[in-house]
Amino acid sequence: MPEPIPEPSPELSPEPLPDLLTVKETAAYLRIPQPTVYYLLQRGELPAVQIGKRWRIKRRLLDRDILRTDKDSPAPLVLAVDDDPGLQRVFREFLSRSGFGQVVVGSGAEAIEENRRQNFDLVFLDLHLPDMGGDQVYAALREQSPELPIVIITGYPDSEPLNRILELGPVLVLRKPLEIEQLLRTVHLLGHRSKP
């Protein structure tokens, strides 16, 4: 009588990814900083449950809803506010290549006026503008469009304008110098899809 084939040893079997990820595991899975995960959790942008005081993010729903591509969704309209011509070029190139509608301006007054004229899906806002503080622009945009996602971009993460914005609630902050991959991840995680 032939001997039965032994079951594979459990320690040799590959470890499947858990369906409920910690914040740290989610940051590694999505390749984004942990503070960004917390920000997205506070905005309700990630499929998560709170167990006690700890968040657990549902990996299957991340795969289905966050990391999927949706070819039929309309292109979002993005407002980029920065007075640096080099960074304006980066935004134009990135947004154009990604298939997003775009308006790129260099002052706070232009940003407020553009937001009054049309509905944006996302704003990238520099804190240091030639005509007014980024915190003033932030407050004006929030008053016009309370649900509008605004991403702060700055080379000065410890500045007073940023502290004043943070007093109003959680905000996503990207530190300069910006990278294209960082911008793409940000718009993707905030619910907008680039063209394949």
N, C-alpha and C. Protein backbone atom coordinates (compact mmCIF):
# COMPACT_ATOMS: atom_id res chain seq x y z
N MET A 1 0.85 -1.18 0.00
CA MET A 1 0.00 0.00 0.00
C MET A 1 0.89 1.24 0.00
N PRO A 2 0.66 2.18 -0.99
CA PRO A 2 1.54 3.35 -1.05
C PRO A 2 1.33 4.25 0.16
N GLU A 3 2.42 4.90 0.56
CA GLU A 3 2.34 5.81 1.70
C GLU A 3 1.61 7.09 1.29
N PRO A 4 0.81 7.66 2.18
CA PRO A 4 0.12 8.90 1.83
C PRO A 4 1.12 10.05 1.68
N ILE A 5 0.77 10.96 0.78
CA ILE A 5 1.64 12.14 0.57
C ILE A 5 1.43 13.08 1.76
N PRO A 6 2.53 13.48 2.39
CA PRO A 6 2.37 14.35 3.56
C PRO A 6 1.86 15.74 3.16
N GLU A 7 1.10 16.32 4.07
CA GLU A 7 0.64 17.70 3.86
C GLU A 7 1.83 18.65 3.91
N PRO A 8 1.81 19.74 3.10
CA PRO A 8 2.94 20.68 3.18
C PRO A 8 3.00 21.32 4.57
N SER A 9 4.20 21.51 5.02
CA SER A 9 4.40 22.12 6.33
C SER A 9 3.87 23.56 6.32
N PRO A 10 3.13 23.97 7.36
CA PRO A 10 2.56 25.31 7.36
C PRO A 10 3.60 26.41 7.27
N GLU A 11 4.79 26.17 7.85
CA GLU A 11 5.80 27.24 7.81
C GLU A 11 6.40 27.41 6.42
N LEU A 12 6.21 26.41 5.52
CA LEU A 12 6.72 26.54 4.16
C LEU A 12 5.69 27.17 3.23
N SER A 13 4.43 27.22 3.61
CA SER A 13 3.39 27.81 2.77
C SER A 13 3.55 29.32 2.75
N PRO A 14 3.36 29.97 1.57
CA PRO A 14 3.47 31.42 1.55
C PRO A 14 2.39 32.05 2.41
N GLU A 15 2.75 33.09 3.11
CA GLU A 15 1.84 33.79 4.03
C GLU A 15 0.90 34.68 3.21
N PRO A 16 -0.41 34.41 3.21
CA PRO A 16 -1.31 35.29 2.45
C PRO A 16 -1.43 36.64 3.15
N LEU A 17 -1.65 37.68 2.34
CA LEU A 17 -1.85 39.01 2.93
C LEU A 17 -3.15 39.00 3.72
N PRO A 18 -3.16 39.59 4.92
CA PRO A 18 -4.41 39.65 5.69
C PRO A 18 -5.40 40.57 4.99
N ASP A 19 -6.69 40.33 5.21
CA ASP A 19 -7.69 41.20 4.60
C ASP A 19 -7.80 42.52 5.35
N LEU A 20 -7.53 42.51 6.66
CA LEU A 20 -7.56 43.76 7.43
C LEU A 20 -6.13 44.21 7.69
N LEU A 21 -5.76 45.34 7.11
CA LEU A 21 -4.41 45.86 7.22
C LEU A 21 -4.34 46.94 8.31
N THR A 22 -3.21 47.02 8.98
CA THR A 22 -2.97 48.12 9.91
C THR A 22 -2.65 49.37 9.09
N VAL A 23 -2.58 50.52 9.77
CA VAL A 23 -2.21 51.76 9.08
C VAL A 23 -0.82 51.62 8.48
N LYS A 24 0.10 51.04 9.23
CA LYS A 24 1.48 50.86 8.74
C LYS A 24 1.50 49.95 7.51
N GLU A 25 0.76 48.84 7.58
CA GLU A 25 0.71 47.91 6.44
C GLU A 25 0.06 48.58 5.22
N THR A 26 -0.97 49.40 5.47
CA THR A 26 -1.64 50.10 4.37
C THR A 26 -0.70 51.09 3.71
N ALA A 27 0.08 51.81 4.52
CA ALA A 27 1.05 52.76 3.97
C ALA A 27 2.05 52.03 3.07
N ALA A 28 2.53 50.88 3.52
CA ALA A 28 3.48 50.10 2.72
C ALA A 28 2.80 49.54 1.46
N TYR A 29 1.56 49.07 1.60
CA TYR A 29 0.82 48.47 0.48
C TYR A 29 0.56 49.50 -0.62
N LEU A 30 0.19 50.73 -0.20
CA LEU A 30 -0.11 51.79 -1.17
C LEU A 30 1.10 52.64 -1.52
N ARG A 31 2.22 52.41 -0.81
CA ARG A 31 3.46 53.17 -1.02
C ARG A 31 3.23 54.67 -0.80
N ILE A 32 2.61 55.00 0.33
CA ILE A 32 2.40 56.39 0.71
C ILE A 32 2.78 56.55 2.18
N PRO A 33 3.02 57.79 2.65
CA PRO A 33 3.38 57.98 4.06
C PRO A 33 2.22 57.67 4.99
N GLN A 34 2.55 57.23 6.21
CA GLN A 34 1.51 56.92 7.20
C GLN A 34 0.61 58.12 7.50
N PRO A 35 1.15 59.37 7.62
CA PRO A 35 0.25 60.50 7.88
C PRO A 35 -0.81 60.67 6.78
N THR A 36 -0.47 60.31 5.55
CA THR A 36 -1.44 60.40 4.45
C THR A 36 -2.56 59.39 4.66
N VAL A 37 -2.21 58.19 5.15
CA VAL A 37 -3.23 57.18 5.44
C VAL A 37 -4.19 57.71 6.50
N TYR A 38 -3.63 58.31 7.58
CA TYR A 38 -4.50 58.86 8.63
C TYR A 38 -5.40 59.96 8.08
N TYR A 39 -4.85 60.81 7.22
CA TYR A 39 -5.65 61.89 6.62
C TYR A 39 -6.81 61.31 5.82
N LEU A 40 -6.52 60.30 4.99
CA LEU A 40 -7.56 59.70 4.16
C LEU A 40 -8.60 58.97 5.02
N LEU A 41 -8.16 58.39 6.12
CA LEU A 41 -9.11 57.75 7.04
C LEU A 41 -10.05 58.79 7.65
N GLN A 42 -9.51 59.93 8.06
CA GLN A 42 -10.34 60.98 8.66
C GLN A 42 -11.34 61.54 7.66
N ARG A 43 -10.98 61.55 6.39
CA ARG A 43 -11.89 62.04 5.36
C ARG A 43 -12.88 60.97 4.91
N GLY A 44 -12.70 59.73 5.39
CA GLY A 44 -13.59 58.65 4.97
C GLY A 44 -13.29 58.15 3.57
N GLU A 45 -12.04 58.36 3.10
CA GLU A 45 -11.68 58.00 1.73
C GLU A 45 -11.18 56.55 1.60
N LEU A 46 -10.91 55.89 2.72
CA LEU A 46 -10.42 54.52 2.67
C LEU A 46 -11.44 53.58 3.30
N PRO A 47 -11.58 52.36 2.75
CA PRO A 47 -12.52 51.38 3.32
C PRO A 47 -11.95 50.80 4.61
N ALA A 48 -12.44 51.29 5.75
CA ALA A 48 -11.82 50.90 7.01
C ALA A 48 -12.87 50.71 8.10
N VAL A 49 -12.46 49.99 9.13
CA VAL A 49 -13.26 49.85 10.34
C VAL A 49 -12.38 50.24 11.52
N GLN A 50 -13.01 50.72 12.57
CA GLN A 50 -12.26 51.07 13.76
C GLN A 50 -12.54 50.02 14.81
N ILE A 51 -11.48 49.36 15.27
CA ILE A 51 -11.58 48.33 16.29
C ILE A 51 -10.91 48.88 17.54
N GLY A 52 -11.73 49.24 18.53
CA GLY A 52 -11.19 49.96 19.68
C GLY A 52 -10.72 51.32 19.22
N LYS A 53 -9.44 51.62 19.46
CA LYS A 53 -8.88 52.89 19.01
C LYS A 53 -8.03 52.71 17.77
N ARG A 54 -8.00 51.52 17.21
CA ARG A 54 -7.13 51.23 16.07
C ARG A 54 -7.93 51.06 14.78
N TRP A 55 -7.36 51.59 13.70
CA TRP A 55 -7.98 51.44 12.38
C TRP A 55 -7.50 50.16 11.73
N ARG A 56 -8.41 49.52 11.02
CA ARG A 56 -8.07 48.38 10.17
C ARG A 56 -8.67 48.65 8.79
N ILE A 57 -7.85 48.55 7.77
CA ILE A 57 -8.26 48.89 6.41
C ILE A 57 -8.48 47.60 5.64
N LYS A 58 -9.60 47.54 4.90
CA LYS A 58 -9.98 46.31 4.19
C LYS A 58 -9.24 46.24 2.86
N ARG A 59 -8.31 45.28 2.79
CA ARG A 59 -7.44 45.18 1.62
C ARG A 59 -8.22 44.87 0.34
N ARG A 60 -9.20 43.96 0.42
CA ARG A 60 -9.97 43.62 -0.79
C ARG A 60 -10.68 44.83 -1.36
N LEU A 61 -11.20 45.69 -0.47
CA LEU A 61 -11.89 46.88 -0.94
C LEU A 61 -10.89 47.92 -1.45
N LEU A 62 -9.68 47.96 -0.89
CA LEU A 62 -8.63 48.81 -1.45
C LEU A 62 -8.35 48.40 -2.89
N ASP A 63 -8.20 47.09 -3.09
CA ASP A 63 -7.92 46.58 -4.44
C ASP A 63 -9.06 46.91 -5.40
N ARG A 64 -10.30 46.75 -4.92
CA ARG A 64 -11.47 46.94 -5.79
C ARG A 64 -11.77 48.41 -6.06
N ASP A 65 -11.73 49.23 -5.00
CA ASP A 65 -12.23 50.60 -5.14
C ASP A 65 -11.15 51.66 -5.28
N ILE A 66 -9.98 51.46 -4.68
CA ILE A 66 -8.94 52.48 -4.69
C ILE A 66 -7.92 52.24 -5.80
N LEU A 67 -7.48 51.01 -5.95
CA LEU A 67 -6.42 50.72 -6.92
C LEU A 67 -6.93 50.34 -8.30
N ARG A 68 -8.25 50.28 -8.47
CA ARG A 68 -8.79 49.95 -9.79
C ARG A 68 -8.67 51.16 -10.71
N THR A 69 -8.80 50.94 -12.01
CA THR A 69 -8.86 52.05 -12.96
C THR A 69 -10.26 52.07 -13.55
N ASP A 70 -10.80 53.24 -13.72
CA ASP A 70 -12.15 53.40 -14.25
C ASP A 70 -12.05 54.22 -15.53
N LYS A 71 -12.09 53.53 -16.68
CA LYS A 71 -11.87 54.21 -17.95
C LYS A 71 -13.04 55.10 -18.36
N ASP A 72 -14.22 54.87 -17.78
CA ASP A 72 -15.40 55.62 -18.22
C ASP A 72 -15.66 56.88 -17.39
N SER A 73 -14.90 57.09 -16.31
CA SER A 73 -15.19 58.25 -15.48
C SER A 73 -14.69 59.52 -16.16
N PRO A 74 -15.44 60.65 -16.02
CA PRO A 74 -15.00 61.89 -16.65
C PRO A 74 -13.71 62.38 -16.01
N ALA A 75 -12.91 63.10 -16.81
CA ALA A 75 -11.64 63.61 -16.30
C ALA A 75 -11.91 64.68 -15.24
N PRO A 76 -11.28 64.56 -14.07
CA PRO A 76 -11.46 65.59 -13.05
C PRO A 76 -10.76 66.88 -13.46
N LEU A 77 -11.24 67.98 -12.89
CA LEU A 77 -10.66 69.29 -13.15
C LEU A 77 -9.85 69.69 -11.92
N VAL A 78 -8.57 69.97 -12.13
CA VAL A 78 -7.64 70.24 -11.04
C VAL A 78 -7.14 71.68 -11.13
N LEU A 79 -7.12 72.37 -9.98
CA LEU A 79 -6.56 73.71 -9.88
C LEU A 79 -5.22 73.61 -9.16
N ALA A 80 -4.16 74.11 -9.80
CA ALA A 80 -2.84 74.16 -9.17
C ALA A 80 -2.47 75.62 -8.95
N VAL A 81 -2.11 75.96 -7.71
CA VAL A 81 -1.82 77.34 -7.34
C VAL A 81 -0.38 77.42 -6.83
N ASP A 82 0.52 78.00 -7.66
CA ASP A 82 1.92 78.15 -7.28
C ASP A 82 2.54 79.21 -8.17
N ASP A 83 3.33 80.11 -7.59
CA ASP A 83 3.92 81.19 -8.39
C ASP A 83 5.28 80.80 -9.00
N ASP A 84 5.77 79.61 -8.73
CA ASP A 84 7.05 79.16 -9.27
C ASP A 84 6.84 78.64 -10.70
N PRO A 85 7.42 79.30 -11.72
CA PRO A 85 7.21 78.86 -13.11
C PRO A 85 7.63 77.41 -13.35
N GLY A 86 8.71 76.98 -12.68
CA GLY A 86 9.16 75.59 -12.86
C GLY A 86 8.13 74.60 -12.35
N LEU A 87 7.54 74.89 -11.20
CA LEU A 87 6.53 73.99 -10.64
C LEU A 87 5.23 74.07 -11.44
N GLN A 88 4.92 75.24 -11.99
CA GLN A 88 3.76 75.34 -12.87
C GLN A 88 3.91 74.42 -14.07
N ARG A 89 5.14 74.36 -14.63
CA ARG A 89 5.40 73.46 -15.76
C ARG A 89 5.21 72.00 -15.34
N VAL A 90 5.70 71.66 -14.14
CA VAL A 90 5.55 70.28 -13.63
C VAL A 90 4.07 69.93 -13.55
N PHE A 91 3.26 70.83 -12.99
CA PHE A 91 1.83 70.57 -12.86
C PHE A 91 1.17 70.42 -14.24
N ARG A 92 1.50 71.33 -15.16
CA ARG A 92 0.88 71.25 -16.50
C ARG A 92 1.22 69.93 -17.17
N GLU A 93 2.51 69.54 -17.10
CA GLU A 93 2.94 68.29 -17.74
C GLU A 93 2.29 67.08 -17.08
N PHE A 94 2.32 67.04 -15.74
CA PHE A 94 1.76 65.92 -15.01
C PHE A 94 0.25 65.79 -15.26
N LEU A 95 -0.47 66.89 -15.13
CA LEU A 95 -1.93 66.83 -15.28
C LEU A 95 -2.32 66.52 -16.71
N SER A 96 -1.60 67.09 -17.66
CA SER A 96 -1.90 66.82 -19.07
C SER A 96 -1.64 65.35 -19.41
N ARG A 97 -0.47 64.85 -19.00
CA ARG A 97 -0.15 63.44 -19.27
C ARG A 97 -1.11 62.48 -18.59
N SER A 98 -1.65 62.89 -17.45
CA SER A 98 -2.55 62.03 -16.69
C SER A 98 -4.00 62.13 -17.17
N GLY A 99 -4.27 63.03 -18.09
CA GLY A 99 -5.61 63.15 -18.65
C GLY A 99 -6.56 63.99 -17.81
N PHE A 100 -6.04 64.83 -16.93
CA PHE A 100 -6.89 65.68 -16.10
C PHE A 100 -7.08 67.04 -16.75
N GLY A 101 -8.28 67.62 -16.55
CA GLY A 101 -8.46 69.02 -16.89
C GLY A 101 -7.66 69.85 -15.91
N GLN A 102 -7.17 71.01 -16.33
CA GLN A 102 -6.27 71.75 -15.47
C GLN A 102 -6.42 73.25 -15.62
N VAL A 103 -6.23 73.93 -14.51
CA VAL A 103 -6.06 75.38 -14.48
C VAL A 103 -4.88 75.62 -13.56
N VAL A 104 -3.84 76.29 -14.06
CA VAL A 104 -2.64 76.57 -13.27
C VAL A 104 -2.51 78.08 -13.13
N VAL A 105 -2.50 78.57 -11.88
CA VAL A 105 -2.41 80.01 -11.63
C VAL A 105 -1.28 80.29 -10.64
N GLY A 106 -0.88 81.57 -10.58
CA GLY A 106 0.26 81.93 -9.75
C GLY A 106 -0.04 82.83 -8.58
N SER A 107 -1.31 83.12 -8.32
CA SER A 107 -1.63 84.00 -7.19
C SER A 107 -2.89 83.53 -6.48
N GLY A 108 -3.05 84.01 -5.24
CA GLY A 108 -4.23 83.66 -4.47
C GLY A 108 -5.50 84.24 -5.06
N ALA A 109 -5.43 85.48 -5.53
CA ALA A 109 -6.61 86.13 -6.11
C ALA A 109 -7.10 85.36 -7.34
N GLU A 110 -6.17 84.92 -8.19
CA GLU A 110 -6.56 84.13 -9.37
C GLU A 110 -7.21 82.82 -8.95
N ALA A 111 -6.66 82.18 -7.92
CA ALA A 111 -7.22 80.90 -7.46
C ALA A 111 -8.66 81.09 -6.99
N ILE A 112 -8.90 82.13 -6.19
CA ILE A 112 -10.24 82.38 -5.66
C ILE A 112 -11.21 82.69 -6.79
N GLU A 113 -10.75 83.48 -7.76
CA GLU A 113 -11.61 83.84 -8.90
C GLU A 113 -11.93 82.61 -9.75
N GLU A 114 -10.90 81.78 -10.04
CA GLU A 114 -11.14 80.58 -10.85
C GLU A 114 -12.11 79.63 -10.14
N ASN A 115 -11.96 79.50 -8.82
CA ASN A 115 -12.86 78.60 -8.08
C ASN A 115 -14.28 79.14 -8.05
N ARG A 116 -14.42 80.45 -8.14
CA ARG A 116 -15.76 81.05 -8.20
C ARG A 116 -16.41 80.75 -9.56
N ARG A 117 -15.58 80.68 -10.61
CA ARG A 117 -16.10 80.51 -11.97
C ARG A 117 -16.43 79.06 -12.32
N GLN A 118 -15.72 78.11 -11.74
CA GLN A 118 -15.94 76.71 -12.12
C GLN A 118 -15.74 75.78 -10.94
N ASN A 119 -16.26 74.56 -11.10
CA ASN A 119 -16.20 73.57 -10.02
C ASN A 119 -14.99 72.68 -10.21
N PHE A 120 -14.06 72.76 -9.28
CA PHE A 120 -12.87 71.91 -9.32
C PHE A 120 -13.10 70.65 -8.49
N ASP A 121 -12.38 69.60 -8.88
CA ASP A 121 -12.42 68.33 -8.14
C ASP A 121 -11.30 68.23 -7.12
N LEU A 122 -10.25 69.03 -7.31
CA LEU A 122 -9.07 68.94 -6.46
C LEU A 122 -8.25 70.21 -6.63
N VAL A 123 -7.61 70.66 -5.53
CA VAL A 123 -6.73 71.83 -5.58
C VAL A 123 -5.39 71.48 -4.97
N PHE A 124 -4.30 71.87 -5.65
CA PHE A 124 -2.97 71.87 -5.07
C PHE A 124 -2.65 73.32 -4.76
N LEU A 125 -2.37 73.64 -3.50
CA LEU A 125 -2.20 75.02 -3.06
C LEU A 125 -0.86 75.22 -2.38
N ASP A 126 -0.03 76.10 -2.97
CA ASP A 126 1.22 76.49 -2.35
C ASP A 126 0.92 77.46 -1.21
N LEU A 127 1.72 77.41 -0.14
CA LEU A 127 1.47 78.29 1.00
C LEU A 127 2.03 79.70 0.82
N HIS A 128 3.06 79.83 0.00
CA HIS A 128 3.72 81.13 -0.15
C HIS A 128 3.42 81.69 -1.53
N LEU A 129 2.50 82.65 -1.58
CA LEU A 129 2.07 83.27 -2.83
C LEU A 129 2.40 84.76 -2.78
N PRO A 130 2.54 85.41 -3.94
CA PRO A 130 2.99 86.81 -3.94
C PRO A 130 1.97 87.81 -3.39
N ASP A 131 0.69 87.50 -3.45
CA ASP A 131 -0.32 88.50 -3.09
C ASP A 131 -1.00 88.25 -1.74
N MET A 132 -1.02 87.03 -1.25
CA MET A 132 -1.65 86.74 0.04
C MET A 132 -1.14 85.40 0.56
N GLY A 133 -1.37 85.16 1.86
CA GLY A 133 -0.92 83.91 2.46
C GLY A 133 -1.75 82.73 2.00
N GLY A 134 -1.10 81.57 1.93
CA GLY A 134 -1.82 80.36 1.53
C GLY A 134 -2.96 80.03 2.48
N ASP A 135 -2.81 80.38 3.77
CA ASP A 135 -3.89 80.12 4.72
C ASP A 135 -5.13 80.96 4.40
N GLN A 136 -4.92 82.19 3.89
CA GLN A 136 -6.06 83.04 3.50
C GLN A 136 -6.76 82.46 2.28
N VAL A 137 -5.97 81.98 1.32
CA VAL A 137 -6.54 81.37 0.12
C VAL A 137 -7.30 80.11 0.51
N TYR A 138 -6.70 79.30 1.38
CA TYR A 138 -7.34 78.07 1.85
C TYR A 138 -8.71 78.38 2.46
N ALA A 139 -8.74 79.39 3.35
CA ALA A 139 -10.00 79.74 4.02
C ALA A 139 -11.05 80.21 3.01
N ALA A 140 -10.63 81.00 2.01
CA ALA A 140 -11.56 81.49 0.99
C ALA A 140 -12.11 80.34 0.14
N LEU A 141 -11.23 79.41 -0.25
CA LEU A 141 -11.67 78.27 -1.05
C LEU A 141 -12.62 77.37 -0.25
N ARG A 142 -12.31 77.18 1.03
CA ARG A 142 -13.17 76.38 1.91
C ARG A 142 -14.55 77.02 2.04
N GLU A 143 -14.58 78.36 2.13
CA GLU A 143 -15.86 79.05 2.24
C GLU A 143 -16.67 78.89 0.96
N GLN A 144 -16.01 78.97 -0.19
CA GLN A 144 -16.69 78.81 -1.47
C GLN A 144 -17.15 77.37 -1.68
N SER A 145 -16.27 76.42 -1.37
CA SER A 145 -16.51 75.00 -1.68
C SER A 145 -16.09 74.15 -0.48
N PRO A 146 -16.97 73.98 0.52
CA PRO A 146 -16.58 73.29 1.76
C PRO A 146 -16.09 71.86 1.57
N GLU A 147 -16.56 71.15 0.53
CA GLU A 147 -16.17 69.75 0.35
C GLU A 147 -14.99 69.58 -0.60
N LEU A 148 -14.45 70.66 -1.13
CA LEU A 148 -13.37 70.58 -2.11
C LEU A 148 -12.09 70.07 -1.46
N PRO A 149 -11.50 68.95 -1.98
CA PRO A 149 -10.22 68.49 -1.43
C PRO A 149 -9.10 69.47 -1.80
N ILE A 150 -8.38 69.95 -0.79
CA ILE A 150 -7.27 70.88 -1.00
C ILE A 150 -6.01 70.25 -0.43
N VAL A 151 -5.00 70.10 -1.29
CA VAL A 151 -3.72 69.53 -0.89
C VAL A 151 -2.73 70.68 -0.77
N ILE A 152 -2.11 70.82 0.39
CA ILE A 152 -1.14 71.88 0.62
C ILE A 152 0.23 71.41 0.14
N ILE A 153 0.92 72.27 -0.62
CA ILE A 153 2.30 71.97 -1.02
C ILE A 153 3.19 73.06 -0.44
N THR A 154 4.27 72.64 0.19
CA THR A 154 5.14 73.62 0.84
C THR A 154 6.55 73.09 1.03
N GLY A 155 7.48 74.00 1.03
CA GLY A 155 8.85 73.68 1.40
C GLY A 155 9.11 74.01 2.86
N TYR A 156 8.09 74.57 3.53
CA TYR A 156 8.22 75.00 4.92
C TYR A 156 7.13 74.35 5.78
N PRO A 157 7.31 73.09 6.16
CA PRO A 157 6.24 72.38 6.89
C PRO A 157 5.99 72.90 8.30
N ASP A 158 6.89 73.74 8.84
CA ASP A 158 6.69 74.26 10.19
C ASP A 158 6.23 75.72 10.18
N SER A 159 5.66 76.17 9.07
CA SER A 159 5.33 77.59 8.94
C SER A 159 4.03 77.95 9.67
N GLU A 160 3.90 79.22 9.98
CA GLU A 160 2.70 79.73 10.64
C GLU A 160 1.44 79.55 9.78
N PRO A 161 1.51 79.86 8.46
CA PRO A 161 0.30 79.64 7.64
C PRO A 161 -0.21 78.20 7.70
N LEU A 162 0.72 77.23 7.69
CA LEU A 162 0.29 75.83 7.77
C LEU A 162 -0.32 75.53 9.14
N ASN A 163 0.27 76.07 10.19
CA ASN A 163 -0.30 75.86 11.53
C ASN A 163 -1.72 76.41 11.62
N ARG A 164 -1.97 77.57 10.98
CA ARG A 164 -3.32 78.14 11.00
C ARG A 164 -4.30 77.26 10.23
N ILE A 165 -3.84 76.68 9.14
CA ILE A 165 -4.70 75.77 8.37
C ILE A 165 -5.01 74.52 9.19
N LEU A 166 -4.00 73.98 9.86
CA LEU A 166 -4.19 72.75 10.64
C LEU A 166 -5.15 72.97 11.81
N GLU A 167 -5.27 74.21 12.28
CA GLU A 167 -6.23 74.49 13.34
C GLU A 167 -7.67 74.30 12.86
N LEU A 168 -7.87 74.37 11.54
CA LEU A 168 -9.22 74.21 10.97
C LEU A 168 -9.60 72.75 10.79
N GLY A 169 -8.61 71.85 10.86
CA GLY A 169 -8.90 70.43 10.68
C GLY A 169 -7.78 69.74 9.93
N PRO A 170 -7.90 68.43 9.71
CA PRO A 170 -6.84 67.68 9.03
C PRO A 170 -6.70 68.10 7.58
N VAL A 171 -5.49 68.09 7.10
CA VAL A 171 -5.21 68.46 5.72
C VAL A 171 -4.04 67.63 5.21
N LEU A 172 -4.06 67.32 3.93
CA LEU A 172 -2.98 66.57 3.33
C LEU A 172 -1.90 67.54 2.88
N VAL A 173 -0.65 67.30 3.30
CA VAL A 173 0.46 68.20 2.99
C VAL A 173 1.51 67.42 2.20
N LEU A 174 1.92 67.97 1.06
CA LEU A 174 3.02 67.41 0.29
C LEU A 174 4.21 68.36 0.41
N ARG A 175 5.35 67.80 0.70
CA ARG A 175 6.54 68.62 0.90
C ARG A 175 7.32 68.76 -0.41
N LYS A 176 7.76 69.97 -0.70
CA LYS A 176 8.61 70.19 -1.87
C LYS A 176 10.01 69.68 -1.57
N PRO A 177 10.76 69.24 -2.57
CA PRO A 177 10.39 69.21 -3.99
C PRO A 177 9.42 68.07 -4.30
N LEU A 178 8.46 68.36 -5.17
CA LEU A 178 7.44 67.38 -5.52
C LEU A 178 7.96 66.41 -6.57
N GLU A 179 7.43 65.19 -6.52
CA GLU A 179 7.75 64.18 -7.52
C GLU A 179 6.46 63.79 -8.23
N ILE A 180 6.58 63.46 -9.52
CA ILE A 180 5.41 63.10 -10.32
C ILE A 180 4.66 61.93 -9.70
N GLU A 181 5.40 60.92 -9.24
CA GLU A 181 4.76 59.73 -8.65
C GLU A 181 3.96 60.12 -7.42
N GLN A 182 4.49 61.05 -6.63
CA GLN A 182 3.81 61.52 -5.43
C GLN A 182 2.50 62.22 -5.81
N LEU A 183 2.53 63.04 -6.85
CA LEU A 183 1.32 63.74 -7.31
C LEU A 183 0.29 62.73 -7.82
N LEU A 184 0.76 61.75 -8.59
CA LEU A 184 -0.16 60.76 -9.16
C LEU A 184 -0.83 59.95 -8.05
N ARG A 185 -0.04 59.53 -7.06
CA ARG A 185 -0.61 58.78 -5.94
C ARG A 185 -1.65 59.62 -5.20
N THR A 186 -1.36 60.91 -5.05
CA THR A 186 -2.27 61.78 -4.32
C THR A 186 -3.61 61.91 -5.02
N VAL A 187 -3.61 62.20 -6.32
CA VAL A 187 -4.89 62.35 -7.02
C VAL A 187 -5.61 61.01 -7.09
N HIS A 188 -4.85 59.93 -7.21
CA HIS A 188 -5.45 58.60 -7.28
C HIS A 188 -6.16 58.26 -5.97
N LEU A 189 -5.49 58.51 -4.86
CA LEU A 189 -6.06 58.17 -3.55
C LEU A 189 -7.22 59.07 -3.16
N LEU A 190 -7.25 60.27 -3.71
CA LEU A 190 -8.38 61.17 -3.42
C LEU A 190 -9.57 60.88 -4.33
N GLY A 191 -9.47 59.81 -5.11
CA GLY A 191 -10.65 59.35 -5.84
C GLY A 191 -10.66 59.67 -7.31
N HIS A 192 -9.57 60.19 -7.86
CA HIS A 192 -9.54 60.54 -9.27
C HIS A 192 -8.62 59.58 -10.01
N ARG A 193 -9.03 59.24 -11.21
CA ARG A 193 -8.28 58.25 -12.00
C ARG A 193 -7.60 58.92 -13.18
N SER A 194 -6.34 58.60 -13.38
CA SER A 194 -5.67 59.08 -14.58
C SER A 194 -6.00 58.14 -15.73
N LYS A 195 -5.81 58.62 -16.96
CA LYS A 195 -6.05 57.76 -18.11
C LYS A 195 -4.94 56.72 -18.19
N PRO A 196 -5.28 55.50 -18.63
CA PRO A 196 -4.24 54.47 -18.71
C PRO A 196 -3.24 54.78 -19.81
